[in-house]
PDB file of N, CA and C in Angstrom:
ATOM      1  N   MET A   1      71.024  69.481  75.656  1.00  0.00           N
ATOM      2  CA  MET A   1      72.167  70.103  76.279  1.00  0.00           C
ATOM      3  C   MET A   1      73.432  69.504  75.656  1.00  0.00           C
ATOM      4  N   THR A   2      74.379  70.346  75.316  1.00  0.00           N
ATOM      5  CA  THR A   2      75.625  69.913  74.705  1.00  0.00           C
ATOM      6  C   THR A   2      76.730  69.892  75.756  1.00  0.00           C
ATOM      7  N   ARG A   3      77.498  68.849  75.736  1.00  0.00           N
ATOM      8  CA  ARG A   3      78.587  68.730  76.700  1.00  0.00           C
ATOM      9  C   ARG A   3      79.875  69.254  76.080  1.00  0.00           C
ATOM     10  N   ALA A   4      80.519  70.180  76.735  1.00  0.00           N
ATOM     11  CA  ALA A   4      81.791  70.725  76.238  1.00  0.00           C
ATOM     12  C   ALA A   4      82.918  69.779  76.622  1.00  0.00           C
ATOM     13  N   THR A   5      83.753  69.441  75.661  1.00  0.00           N
ATOM     14  CA  THR A   5      84.857  68.520  75.942  1.00  0.00           C
ATOM     15  C   THR A   5      86.210  69.209  76.006  1.00  0.00           C
ATOM     16  N   SER A   6      86.352  70.381  75.440  1.00  0.00           N
ATOM     17  CA  SER A   6      87.675  71.007  75.382  1.00  0.00           C
ATOM     18  C   SER A   6      88.263  71.328  76.751  1.00  0.00           C
ATOM     19  N   PRO A   7      87.482  71.755  77.776  1.00  0.00           N
ATOM     20  CA  PRO A   7      88.117  71.993  79.071  1.00  0.00           C
ATOM     21  C   PRO A   7      88.692  70.718  79.689  1.00  0.00           C
ATOM     22  N   ILE A   8      88.125  69.573  79.355  1.00  0.00           N
ATOM     23  CA  ILE A   8      88.629  68.317  79.888  1.00  0.00           C
ATOM     24  C   ILE A   8      89.844  67.857  79.090  1.00  0.00           C
ATOM     25  N   ARG A   9      89.819  68.034  77.779  1.00  0.00           N
ATOM     26  CA  ARG A   9      90.911  67.598  76.918  1.00  0.00           C
ATOM     27  C   ARG A   9      92.170  68.425  77.122  1.00  0.00           C
ATOM     28  N   ALA A  10      92.046  69.704  77.359  1.00  0.00           N
ATOM     29  CA  ALA A  10      93.217  70.575  77.459  1.00  0.00           C
ATOM     30  C   ALA A  10      94.191  70.121  78.549  1.00  0.00           C
ATOM     31  N   PRO A  11      93.747  69.839  79.795  1.00  0.00           N
ATOM     32  CA  PRO A  11      94.717  69.392  80.805  1.00  0.00           C
ATOM     33  C   PRO A  11      95.389  68.076  80.429  1.00  0.00           C
ATOM     34  N   ARG A  12      94.648  67.185  79.791  1.00  0.00           N
ATOM     35  CA  ARG A  12      95.239  65.912  79.379  1.00  0.00           C
ATOM     36  C   ARG A  12      96.312  66.122  78.316  1.00  0.00           C
ATOM     37  N   ILE A  13      96.059  67.020  77.380  1.00  0.00           N
ATOM     38  CA  ILE A  13      97.041  67.301  76.330  1.00  0.00           C
ATOM     39  C   ILE A  13      98.274  67.959  76.934  1.00  0.00           C
ATOM     40  N   LEU A  14      98.093  68.892  77.865  1.00  0.00           N
ATOM     41  CA  LEU A  14      99.235  69.549  78.500  1.00  0.00           C
ATOM     42  C   LEU A  14     100.061  68.551  79.304  1.00  0.00           C
ATOM     43  N   LEU A  15      99.388  67.635  79.995  1.00  0.00           N
ATOM     44  CA  LEU A  15     100.107  66.604  80.737  1.00  0.00           C
ATOM     45  C   LEU A  15     100.904  65.729  79.769  1.00  0.00           C
ATOM     46  N   ALA A  16     100.296  65.345  78.669  1.00  0.00           N
ATOM     47  CA  ALA A  16     100.989  64.532  77.675  1.00  0.00           C
ATOM     48  C   ALA A  16     102.198  65.273  77.104  1.00  0.00           C
ATOM     49  N   LEU A  17     102.046  66.570  76.824  1.00  0.00           N
ATOM     50  CA  LEU A  17     103.173  67.364  76.327  1.00  0.00           C
ATOM     51  C   LEU A  17     104.328  67.350  77.311  1.00  0.00           C
ATOM     52  N   THR A  18     104.026  67.529  78.575  1.00  0.00           N
ATOM     53  CA  THR A  18     105.063  67.560  79.603  1.00  0.00           C
ATOM     54  C   THR A  18     105.756  66.212  79.711  1.00  0.00           C
ATOM     55  N   LEU A  19     104.984  65.136  79.720  1.00  0.00           N
ATOM     56  CA  LEU A  19     105.580  63.803  79.816  1.00  0.00           C
ATOM     57  C   LEU A  19     106.463  63.498  78.618  1.00  0.00           C
ATOM     58  N   VAL A  20     105.985  63.793  77.429  1.00  0.00           N
ATOM     59  CA  VAL A  20     106.786  63.554  76.226  1.00  0.00           C
ATOM     60  C   VAL A  20     108.050  64.392  76.260  1.00  0.00           C
ATOM     61  N   ALA A  21     107.938  65.626  76.709  1.00  0.00           N
ATOM     62  CA  ALA A  21     109.110  66.500  76.768  1.00  0.00           C
ATOM     63  C   ALA A  21     110.175  65.923  77.686  1.00  0.00           C
ATOM     64  N   PHE A  22     109.784  65.425  78.840  1.00  0.00           N
ATOM     65  CA  PHE A  22     110.772  64.880  79.764  1.00  0.00           C
ATOM     66  C   PHE A  22     111.294  63.514  79.327  1.00  0.00           C
ATOM     67  N   LEU A  23     110.482  62.745  78.624  1.00  0.00           N
ATOM     68  CA  LEU A  23     110.948  61.455  78.113  1.00  0.00           C
ATOM     69  C   LEU A  23     111.938  61.629  76.969  1.00  0.00           C
ATOM     70  N   THR A  24     111.875  62.747  76.275  1.00  0.00           N
ATOM     71  CA  THR A  24     112.786  62.992  75.153  1.00  0.00           C
ATOM     72  C   THR A  24     113.935  63.918  75.532  1.00  0.00           C
ATOM     73  N   LEU A  25     114.169  64.105  76.802  1.00  0.00           N
ATOM     74  CA  LEU A  25     115.201  65.031  77.266  1.00  0.00           C
ATOM     75  C   LEU A  25     116.596  64.753  76.694  1.00  0.00           C
ATOM     76  N   PRO A  26     117.093  63.516  76.602  1.00  0.00           N
ATOM     77  CA  PRO A  26     118.428  63.323  76.016  1.00  0.00           C
ATOM     78  C   PRO A  26     118.525  63.853  74.591  1.00  0.00           C
ATOM     79  N   ALA A  27     117.495  63.691  73.792  1.00  0.00           N
ATOM     80  CA  ALA A  27     117.515  64.229  72.428  1.00  0.00           C
ATOM     81  C   ALA A  27     117.479  65.749  72.451  1.00  0.00           C
ATOM     82  N   ALA A  28     116.868  66.326  73.460  1.00  0.00           N
ATOM     83  CA  ALA A  28     116.751  67.783  73.543  1.00  0.00           C
ATOM     84  C   ALA A  28     118.114  68.439  73.655  1.00  0.00           C
ATOM     85  N   ALA A  29     119.029  67.798  74.357  1.00  0.00           N
ATOM     86  CA  ALA A  29     120.350  68.391  74.541  1.00  0.00           C
ATOM     87  C   ALA A  29     121.097  68.505  73.214  1.00  0.00           C
ATOM     88  N   GLN A  30     120.732  67.686  72.231  1.00  0.00           N
ATOM     89  CA  GLN A  30     121.426  67.701  70.947  1.00  0.00           C
ATOM     90  C   GLN A  30     120.970  68.843  70.049  1.00  0.00           C
ATOM     91  N   THR A  31     119.684  69.196  70.096  1.00  0.00           N
ATOM     92  CA  THR A  31     119.178  70.173  69.148  1.00  0.00           C
ATOM     93  C   THR A  31     119.023  71.568  69.746  1.00  0.00           C
ATOM     94  N   GLY A  32     118.578  71.666  70.974  1.00  0.00           N
ATOM     95  CA  GLY A  32     118.397  72.965  71.611  1.00  0.00           C
ATOM     96  C   GLY A  32     117.174  73.726  71.138  1.00  0.00           C
ATOM     97  N   THR A  33     116.332  73.136  70.287  1.00  0.00           N
ATOM     98  CA  THR A  33     115.167  73.841  69.785  1.00  0.00           C
ATOM     99  C   THR A  33     113.853  73.139  70.126  1.00  0.00           C
ATOM    100  N   ASP A  34     113.926  72.063  70.903  1.00  0.00           N
ATOM    101  CA  ASP A  34     112.688  71.336  71.148  1.00  0.00           C
ATOM    102  C   ASP A  34     112.015  71.746  72.454  1.00  0.00           C
ATOM    103  N   LEU A  35     110.863  71.195  72.677  1.00  0.00           N
ATOM    104  CA  LEU A  35     110.052  71.541  73.835  1.00  0.00           C
ATOM    105  C   LEU A  35     110.753  71.232  75.147  1.00  0.00           C
ATOM    106  N   ALA A  36     111.419  70.104  75.244  1.00  0.00           N
ATOM    107  CA  ALA A  36     112.088  69.732  76.487  1.00  0.00           C
ATOM    108  C   ALA A  36     113.134  70.762  76.884  1.00  0.00           C
ATOM    109  N   THR A  37     113.869  71.261  75.917  1.00  0.00           N
ATOM    110  CA  THR A  37     114.886  72.271  76.202  1.00  0.00           C
ATOM    111  C   THR A  37     114.246  73.541  76.750  1.00  0.00           C
ATOM    112  N   LEU A  38     113.174  73.992  76.112  1.00  0.00           N
ATOM    113  CA  LEU A  38     112.490  75.188  76.598  1.00  0.00           C
ATOM    114  C   LEU A  38     112.011  74.998  78.026  1.00  0.00           C
ATOM    115  N   LEU A  39     111.412  73.844  78.313  1.00  0.00           N
ATOM    116  CA  LEU A  39     110.876  73.591  79.650  1.00  0.00           C
ATOM    117  C   LEU A  39     111.960  73.518  80.705  1.00  0.00           C
ATOM    118  N   CYS A  40     113.151  73.091  80.319  1.00  0.00           N
ATOM    119  CA  CYS A  40     114.240  72.955  81.285  1.00  0.00           C
ATOM    120  C   CYS A  40     115.077  74.219  81.444  1.00  0.00           C
ATOM    121  N   GLU A  41     115.038  75.122  80.475  1.00  0.00           N
ATOM    122  CA  GLU A  41     115.936  76.274  80.498  1.00  0.00           C
ATOM    123  C   GLU A  41     115.281  77.582  80.882  1.00  0.00           C
ATOM    124  N   THR A  42     113.996  77.595  81.150  1.00  0.00           N
ATOM    125  CA  THR A  42     113.345  78.849  81.493  1.00  0.00           C
ATOM    126  C   THR A  42     112.200  78.591  82.447  1.00  0.00           C
ATOM    127  N   HIS A  43     111.665  79.642  83.026  1.00  0.00           N
ATOM    128  CA  HIS A  43     110.469  79.528  83.854  1.00  0.00           C
ATOM    129  C   HIS A  43     109.248  79.524  82.955  1.00  0.00           C
ATOM    130  N   VAL A  44     108.361  78.594  83.183  1.00  0.00           N
ATOM    131  CA  VAL A  44     107.091  78.544  82.461  1.00  0.00           C
ATOM    132  C   VAL A  44     106.025  79.091  83.390  1.00  0.00           C
ATOM    133  N   TYR A  45     105.334  80.135  82.947  1.00  0.00           N
ATOM    134  CA  TYR A  45     104.327  80.795  83.779  1.00  0.00           C
ATOM    135  C   TYR A  45     102.899  80.509  83.352  1.00  0.00           C
ATOM    136  N   GLY A  46     102.701  80.152  82.091  1.00  0.00           N
ATOM    137  CA  GLY A  46     101.342  79.926  81.643  1.00  0.00           C
ATOM    138  C   GLY A  46     101.284  79.049  80.418  1.00  0.00           C
ATOM    139  N   LEU A  47     100.217  78.267  80.335  1.00  0.00           N
ATOM    140  CA  LEU A  47      99.943  77.412  79.188  1.00  0.00           C
ATOM    141  C   LEU A  47      98.528  77.698  78.740  1.00  0.00           C
ATOM    142  N   ALA A  48      98.322  77.783  77.438  1.00  0.00           N
ATOM    143  CA  ALA A  48      96.971  78.055  76.939  1.00  0.00           C
ATOM    144  C   ALA A  48      96.821  77.528  75.529  1.00  0.00           C
ATOM    145  N   PHE A  49      95.577  77.314  75.153  1.00  0.00           N
ATOM    146  CA  PHE A  49      95.236  76.983  73.784  1.00  0.00           C
ATOM    147  C   PHE A  49      94.462  78.152  73.220  1.00  0.00           C
ATOM    148  N   ASP A  50      94.897  78.658  72.093  1.00  0.00           N
ATOM    149  CA  ASP A  50      94.158  79.703  71.401  1.00  0.00           C
ATOM    150  C   ASP A  50      92.934  79.042  70.770  1.00  0.00           C
ATOM    151  N   PRO A  51      91.704  79.525  71.053  1.00  0.00           N
ATOM    152  CA  PRO A  51      90.519  78.916  70.451  1.00  0.00           C
ATOM    153  C   PRO A  51      90.579  78.883  68.924  1.00  0.00           C
ATOM    154  N   GLY A  52      91.326  79.782  68.323  1.00  0.00           N
ATOM    155  CA  GLY A  52      91.460  79.802  66.866  1.00  0.00           C
ATOM    156  C   GLY A  52      92.475  78.802  66.341  1.00  0.00           C
ATOM    157  N   SER A  53      93.342  78.299  67.217  1.00  0.00           N
ATOM    158  CA  SER A  53      94.367  77.321  66.834  1.00  0.00           C
ATOM    159  C   SER A  53      94.524  76.292  67.953  1.00  0.00           C
ATOM    160  N   PRO A  54      93.517  75.464  68.196  1.00  0.00           N
ATOM    161  CA  PRO A  54      93.574  74.548  69.338  1.00  0.00           C
ATOM    162  C   PRO A  54      94.654  73.481  69.225  1.00  0.00           C
ATOM    163  N   ASP A  55      95.229  73.288  68.045  1.00  0.00           N
ATOM    164  CA  ASP A  55      96.304  72.320  67.881  1.00  0.00           C
ATOM    165  C   ASP A  55      97.682  72.948  68.075  1.00  0.00           C
ATOM    166  N   ARG A  56      97.711  74.205  68.524  1.00  0.00           N
ATOM    167  CA  ARG A  56      98.974  74.929  68.727  1.00  0.00           C
ATOM    168  C   ARG A  56      99.009  75.492  70.146  1.00  0.00           C
ATOM    169  N   PRO A  57      99.471  74.714  71.123  1.00  0.00           N
ATOM    170  CA  PRO A  57      99.560  75.230  72.492  1.00  0.00           C
ATOM    171  C   PRO A  57     100.529  76.405  72.568  1.00  0.00           C
ATOM    172  N   LEU A  58     100.250  77.314  73.471  1.00  0.00           N
ATOM    173  CA  LEU A  58     101.102  78.476  73.707  1.00  0.00           C
ATOM    174  C   LEU A  58     101.696  78.373  75.106  1.00  0.00           C
ATOM    175  N   ILE A  59     102.975  78.721  75.219  1.00  0.00           N
ATOM    176  CA  ILE A  59     103.672  78.669  76.501  1.00  0.00           C
ATOM    177  C   ILE A  59     104.230  80.055  76.798  1.00  0.00           C
ATOM    178  N   ALA A  60     103.789  80.648  77.897  1.00  0.00           N
ATOM    179  CA  ALA A  60     104.311  81.941  78.344  1.00  0.00           C
ATOM    180  C   ALA A  60     105.492  81.678  79.273  1.00  0.00           C
ATOM    181  N   THR A  61     106.631  82.313  78.975  1.00  0.00           N
ATOM    182  CA  THR A  61     107.849  82.053  79.739  1.00  0.00           C
ATOM    183  C   THR A  61     108.489  83.360  80.207  1.00  0.00           C
ATOM    184  N   ARG A  62     109.588  83.197  80.887  1.00  0.00           N
ATOM    185  CA  ARG A  62     110.387  84.337  81.316  1.00  0.00           C
ATOM    186  C   ARG A  62     111.002  85.051  80.110  1.00  0.00           C
ATOM    187  N   HIS A  63     111.047  84.360  78.965  1.00  0.00           N
ATOM    188  CA  HIS A  63     111.685  84.906  77.765  1.00  0.00           C
ATOM    189  C   HIS A  63     110.726  85.001  76.591  1.00  0.00           C
ATOM    190  N   GLY A  64     109.486  85.371  76.852  1.00  0.00           N
ATOM    191  CA  GLY A  64     108.528  85.576  75.781  1.00  0.00           C
ATOM    192  C   GLY A  64     107.509  84.458  75.646  1.00  0.00           C
ATOM    193  N   LEU A  65     106.708  84.576  74.600  1.00  0.00           N
ATOM    194  CA  LEU A  65     105.649  83.623  74.309  1.00  0.00           C
ATOM    195  C   LEU A  65     106.124  82.678  73.206  1.00  0.00           C
ATOM    196  N   HIS A  66     105.857  81.385  73.376  1.00  0.00           N
ATOM    197  CA  HIS A  66     106.295  80.375  72.419  1.00  0.00           C
ATOM    198  C   HIS A  66     105.115  79.510  72.014  1.00  0.00           C
ATOM    199  N   ALA A  67     105.089  79.111  70.743  1.00  0.00           N
ATOM    200  CA  ALA A  67     104.076  78.193  70.226  1.00  0.00           C
ATOM    201  C   ALA A  67     104.719  76.816  70.070  1.00  0.00           C
ATOM    202  N   VAL A  68     103.937  75.777  70.338  1.00  0.00           N
ATOM    203  CA  VAL A  68     104.434  74.404  70.238  1.00  0.00           C
ATOM    204  C   VAL A  68     103.878  73.746  68.986  1.00  0.00           C
ATOM    205  N   ASP A  69     104.762  73.148  68.197  1.00  0.00           N
ATOM    206  CA  ASP A  69     104.363  72.314  67.064  1.00  0.00           C
ATOM    207  C   ASP A  69     104.256  70.890  67.610  1.00  0.00           C
ATOM    208  N   LEU A  70     103.032  70.372  67.712  1.00  0.00           N
ATOM    209  CA  LEU A  70     102.821  69.068  68.324  1.00  0.00           C
ATOM    210  C   LEU A  70     103.414  67.922  67.512  1.00  0.00           C
ATOM    211  N   ALA A  71     103.523  68.079  66.217  1.00  0.00           N
ATOM    212  CA  ALA A  71     104.075  67.013  65.380  1.00  0.00           C
ATOM    213  C   ALA A  71     105.568  66.806  65.642  1.00  0.00           C
ATOM    214  N   SER A  72     106.309  67.906  65.765  1.00  0.00           N
ATOM    215  CA  SER A  72     107.760  67.808  65.960  1.00  0.00           C
ATOM    216  C   SER A  72     108.192  68.058  67.395  1.00  0.00           C
ATOM    217  N   MET A  73     107.248  68.477  68.243  1.00  0.00           N
ATOM    218  CA  MET A  73     107.530  68.829  69.643  1.00  0.00           C
ATOM    219  C   MET A  73     108.616  69.903  69.739  1.00  0.00           C
ATOM    220  N   THR A  74     108.580  70.860  68.813  1.00  0.00           N
ATOM    221  CA  THR A  74     109.491  71.987  68.837  1.00  0.00           C
ATOM    222  C   THR A  74     108.707  73.258  69.151  1.00  0.00           C
ATOM    223  N   THR A  75     109.420  74.275  69.586  1.00  0.00           N
ATOM    224  CA  THR A  75     108.781  75.545  69.908  1.00  0.00           C
ATOM    225  C   THR A  75     109.320  76.647  69.013  1.00  0.00           C
ATOM    226  N   THR A  76     108.468  77.645  68.795  1.00  0.00           N
ATOM    227  CA  THR A  76     108.826  78.810  68.006  1.00  0.00           C
ATOM    228  C   THR A  76     108.389  80.051  68.768  1.00  0.00           C
ATOM    229  N   PRO A  77     109.270  81.039  68.921  1.00  0.00           N
ATOM    230  CA  PRO A  77     108.834  82.272  69.569  1.00  0.00           C
ATOM    231  C   PRO A  77     107.690  82.918  68.783  1.00  0.00           C
ATOM    232  N   VAL A  78     106.742  83.480  69.506  1.00  0.00           N
ATOM    233  CA  VAL A  78     105.620  84.186  68.887  1.00  0.00           C
ATOM    234  C   VAL A  78     105.940  85.674  68.968  1.00  0.00           C
ATOM    235  N   GLY A  79     106.157  86.298  67.840  1.00  0.00           N
ATOM    236  CA  GLY A  79     106.479  87.724  67.810  1.00  0.00           C
ATOM    237  C   GLY A  79     107.907  87.996  68.232  1.00  0.00           C
ATOM    238  N   ASP A  80     108.210  89.283  68.393  1.00  0.00           N
ATOM    239  CA  ASP A  80     109.570  89.706  68.731  1.00  0.00           C
ATOM    240  C   ASP A  80     109.776  89.950  70.221  1.00  0.00           C
ATOM    241  N   SER A  81     108.727  90.018  70.994  1.00  0.00           N
ATOM    242  CA  SER A  81     108.834  90.331  72.414  1.00  0.00           C
ATOM    243  C   SER A  81     109.478  89.191  73.186  1.00  0.00           C
ATOM    244  N   ARG A  82     110.413  89.538  74.051  1.00  0.00           N
ATOM    245  CA  ARG A  82     111.024  88.562  74.952  1.00  0.00           C
ATOM    246  C   ARG A  82     110.749  88.965  76.402  1.00  0.00           C
ATOM    247  N   ASN A  83     109.587  89.572  76.606  1.00  0.00           N
ATOM    248  CA  ASN A  83     109.183  89.990  77.947  1.00  0.00           C
ATOM    249  C   ASN A  83     108.938  88.782  78.839  1.00  0.00           C
ATOM    250  N   ASP A  84     108.972  89.010  80.128  1.00  0.00           N
ATOM    251  CA  ASP A  84     108.733  88.004  81.159  1.00  0.00           C
ATOM    252  C   ASP A  84     107.229  87.979  81.424  1.00  0.00           C
ATOM    253  N   PHE A  85     106.515  87.049  80.780  1.00  0.00           N
ATOM    254  CA  PHE A  85     105.055  86.993  80.883  1.00  0.00           C
ATOM    255  C   PHE A  85     104.637  86.135  82.067  1.00  0.00           C
ATOM    256  N   MET A  86     104.621  86.738  83.257  1.00  0.00           N
ATOM    257  CA  MET A  86     104.311  86.012  84.487  1.00  0.00           C
ATOM    258  C   MET A  86     102.830  85.684  84.618  1.00  0.00           C
ATOM    259  N   GLY A  87     101.994  86.448  83.977  1.00  0.00           N
ATOM    260  CA  GLY A  87     100.565  86.168  83.944  1.00  0.00           C
ATOM    261  C   GLY A  87     100.153  86.046  82.493  1.00  0.00           C
ATOM    262  N   PHE A  88      99.411  85.003  82.151  1.00  0.00           N
ATOM    263  CA  PHE A  88      99.077  84.784  80.751  1.00  0.00           C
ATOM    264  C   PHE A  88      97.831  83.931  80.635  1.00  0.00           C
ATOM    265  N   THR A  89      96.936  84.316  79.714  1.00  0.00           N
ATOM    266  CA  THR A  89      95.767  83.495  79.414  1.00  0.00           C
ATOM    267  C   THR A  89      95.213  83.871  78.046  1.00  0.00           C
ATOM    268  N   ALA A  90      94.569  82.926  77.418  1.00  0.00           N
ATOM    269  CA  ALA A  90      93.868  83.184  76.163  1.00  0.00           C
ATOM    270  C   ALA A  90      92.399  83.405  76.488  1.00  0.00           C
ATOM    271  N   HIS A  91      91.761  84.321  75.765  1.00  0.00           N
ATOM    272  CA  HIS A  91      90.325  84.527  75.941  1.00  0.00           C
ATOM    273  C   HIS A  91      89.623  83.227  75.556  1.00  0.00           C
ATOM    274  N   PRO A  92      88.679  82.759  76.354  1.00  0.00           N
ATOM    275  CA  PRO A  92      88.055  81.462  76.080  1.00  0.00           C
ATOM    276  C   PRO A  92      87.164  81.418  74.840  1.00  0.00           C
ATOM    277  N   ALA A  93      86.725  82.561  74.342  1.00  0.00           N
ATOM    278  CA  ALA A  93      85.786  82.547  73.226  1.00  0.00           C
ATOM    279  C   ALA A  93      86.237  83.360  72.011  1.00  0.00           C
ATOM    280  N   VAL A  94      87.228  84.215  72.171  1.00  0.00           N
ATOM    281  CA  VAL A  94      87.655  85.074  71.069  1.00  0.00           C
ATOM    282  C   VAL A  94      89.015  84.610  70.556  1.00  0.00           C
ATOM    283  N   PRO A  95      89.055  83.961  69.385  1.00  0.00           N
ATOM    284  CA  PRO A  95      90.327  83.488  68.844  1.00  0.00           C
ATOM    285  C   PRO A  95      91.338  84.626  68.684  1.00  0.00           C
ATOM    286  N   GLY A  96      92.568  84.352  69.079  1.00  0.00           N
ATOM    287  CA  GLY A  96      93.638  85.320  68.908  1.00  0.00           C
ATOM    288  C   GLY A  96      93.738  86.377  69.992  1.00  0.00           C
ATOM    289  N   LEU A  97      92.788  86.445  70.905  1.00  0.00           N
ATOM    290  CA  LEU A  97      92.847  87.457  71.960  1.00  0.00           C
ATOM    291  C   LEU A  97      93.546  86.868  73.175  1.00  0.00           C
ATOM    292  N   LEU A  98      94.722  87.424  73.482  1.00  0.00           N
ATOM    293  CA  LEU A  98      95.546  86.946  74.584  1.00  0.00           C
ATOM    294  C   LEU A  98      95.756  88.071  75.583  1.00  0.00           C
ATOM    295  N   TYR A  99      95.823  87.720  76.845  1.00  0.00           N
ATOM    296  CA  TYR A  99      96.094  88.682  77.912  1.00  0.00           C
ATOM    297  C   TYR A  99      97.385  88.263  78.616  1.00  0.00           C
ATOM    298  N   ALA A 100      98.175  89.260  79.017  1.00  0.00           N
ATOM    299  CA  ALA A 100      99.416  88.960  79.728  1.00  0.00           C
ATOM    300  C   ALA A 100      99.763  90.096  80.672  1.00  0.00           C
ATOM    301  N   SER A 101     100.622  89.787  81.613  1.00  0.00           N
ATOM    302  CA  SER A 101     101.217  90.792  82.490  1.00  0.00           C
ATOM    303  C   SER A 101     102.606  90.272  82.853  1.00  0.00           C
ATOM    304  N   GLY A 102     103.403  91.107  83.446  1.00  0.00           N
ATOM    305  CA  GLY A 102     104.744  90.681  83.821  1.00  0.00           C
ATOM    306  C   GLY A 102     105.716  91.828  83.768  1.00  0.00           C
ATOM    307  N   HIS A 103     106.901  91.547  83.254  1.00  0.00           N
ATOM    308  CA  HIS A 103     107.990  92.523  83.244  1.00  0.00           C
ATOM    309  C   HIS A 103     108.607  92.612  81.856  1.00  0.00           C
ATOM    310  N   PRO A 104     108.901  93.849  81.401  1.00  0.00           N
ATOM    311  CA  PRO A 104     109.653  93.981  80.159  1.00  0.00           C
ATOM    312  C   PRO A 104     111.082  93.461  80.360  1.00  0.00           C
ATOM    313  N   GLN A 105     111.771  93.188  79.275  1.00  0.00           N
ATOM    314  CA  GLN A 105     113.152  92.707  79.353  1.00  0.00           C
ATOM    315  C   GLN A 105     114.024  93.619  80.202  1.00  0.00           C
ATOM    316  N   GLY A 106     113.829  94.904  80.082  1.00  0.00           N
ATOM    317  CA  GLY A 106     114.670  95.864  80.789  1.00  0.00           C
ATOM    318  C   GLY A 106     114.259  96.147  82.226  1.00  0.00           C
ATOM    319  N   GLY A 107     113.239  95.469  82.713  1.00  0.00           N
ATOM    320  CA  GLY A 107     112.769  95.699  84.078  1.00  0.00           C
ATOM    321  C   GLY A 107     111.523  96.577  84.094  1.00  0.00           C
ATOM    322  N   GLY A 108     110.938  96.746  85.249  1.00  0.00           N
ATOM    323  CA  GLY A 108     109.709  97.517  85.382  1.00  0.00           C
ATOM    324  C   GLY A 108     108.495  96.602  85.352  1.00  0.00           C
ATOM    325  N   ASN A 109     107.346  97.168  84.995  1.00  0.00           N
ATOM    326  CA  ASN A 109     106.115  96.400  84.954  1.00  0.00           C
ATOM    327  C   ASN A 109     105.381  96.647  83.632  1.00  0.00           C
ATOM    328  N   LEU A 110     104.774  95.602  83.102  1.00  0.00           N
ATOM    329  CA  LEU A 110     103.998  95.720  81.875  1.00  0.00           C
ATOM    330  C   LEU A 110     102.577  96.197  82.130  1.00  0.00           C
ATOM    331  N   GLY A 111     102.074  96.005  83.345  1.00  0.00           N
ATOM    332  CA  GLY A 111     100.651  96.193  83.572  1.00  0.00           C
ATOM    333  C   GLY A 111      99.943  95.018  82.929  1.00  0.00           C
ATOM    334  N   VAL A 112      98.727  95.191  82.496  1.00  0.00           N
ATOM    335  CA  VAL A 112      97.999  94.141  81.771  1.00  0.00           C
ATOM    336  C   VAL A 112      97.983  94.539  80.307  1.00  0.00           C
ATOM    337  N   ILE A 113      98.440  93.630  79.451  1.00  0.00           N
ATOM    338  CA  ILE A 113      98.444  93.896  78.018  1.00  0.00           C
ATOM    339  C   ILE A 113      97.581  92.841  77.328  1.00  0.00           C
ATOM    340  N   MET A 114      97.131  93.164  76.117  1.00  0.00           N
ATOM    341  CA  MET A 114      96.380  92.188  75.334  1.00  0.00           C
ATOM    342  C   MET A 114      96.812  92.271  73.894  1.00  0.00           C
ATOM    343  N   SER A 115      96.670  91.144  73.210  1.00  0.00           N
ATOM    344  CA  SER A 115      97.069  91.104  71.809  1.00  0.00           C
ATOM    345  C   SER A 115      95.970  91.690  70.952  1.00  0.00           C
TER     346      SER A 115
END
């Protein structure tokens, strides 16, 4: 029997990301592009790891989906959408398959969408 470690590691990595982001908050005010700034300036609705890119956490926010570069602790928007992704998850076994729901920028409802 093989023991899966990724479900245990993911919460620890997310906790570490959050702690580092808040510990580096004074530096965040200077650049405006790092993780701490994103966490402080918007609503975060979901966190996930894409099975195809486990070293690139994804953050679903009120202003779109963002990828985190763990080396620099900076975020980059994923795609052009700035929708309010109130529901978000990555498929646990299919790399690149993401599910979301929420509101488009202009209001209304997205329903359930997938990448």
